[in-house]
Amino acid sequence: MNPTPRSPDSSAVAHEFVYRTLRTRIMHGEMTPGSALTLRGVGSQFGVSMTPAREAVRRLVAEGALTLSSSGRVSTPELSPERIEELAALRALLEPELAARALPRAHMALIDRLQMINGSIAEAVSRNDAIGYIRTNLEFHRTLYLRAQAPAMLAMLETVWLQLGPTMRALYGRSGRTEPPRHHLNILAALKAGDEPSLRLSVRTDVTQGLRLLIG
């Protein structure tokens, strides 16, 4: 007699859903720096037990998306200027390299797609939609970097984005931005021209200039 097939582990499914949803919210700046979370609150919000809530939070703490104090308080990170500078330096190293690796595969369909996303960024700016701005801005960069076919490098970069998400939300409020990032136009022009040095410079400038406002 064949054994009865095992049903999927509902706890594992719940944990993955909570983890992915919280991760996206943090990365997109839906939570401000220093926002506190409790396992009970996470469980209640997602309608899950403490076990998947605890596992999701544990993973996010390990990735630096959440911090765990000695007293057990869990919150989104409040980054020091030194930490912001360190993460900005990582972006300045990883993102120009990913863009350069993507350049040989940057056909017109990709460039058209990036131009459409840039239009969405402009719409978010016009609505003063901080979360929409961060989400579409990351979509612009991720869409380009996926063409690099460098998954390990992109995974490292997404961890940096994750740690910076709440801080980017604070930056948007401080910047008073009224127009989309002008360096995106330089990125698009460099892609069209196949100009790797200009592409590297445009990407590096784009990903570091905003964070300097927070440091200074």
Foldseek 3Di string as FASTA:
>chain_A
DDDDDDDPDVLVVLLVVLLVVVLLCLLLQVFAAFAWDDLVRSCVVSVHDSVSSVNSQVVCCVLLQWPADPVGIITGHDDDLVRLVVLLVLQLVLQLVLLLLLLVVCDVVLLVVLVVLLVQLLVCLQVLNSSSNSVSVVVSSVSSSVSSVPVVSVVVNSSSSSSCNNVSSVLSVVPNDNGGQPLSVQCSVCSVVSPSVSNSVSSSCRSNVSSVVVSD
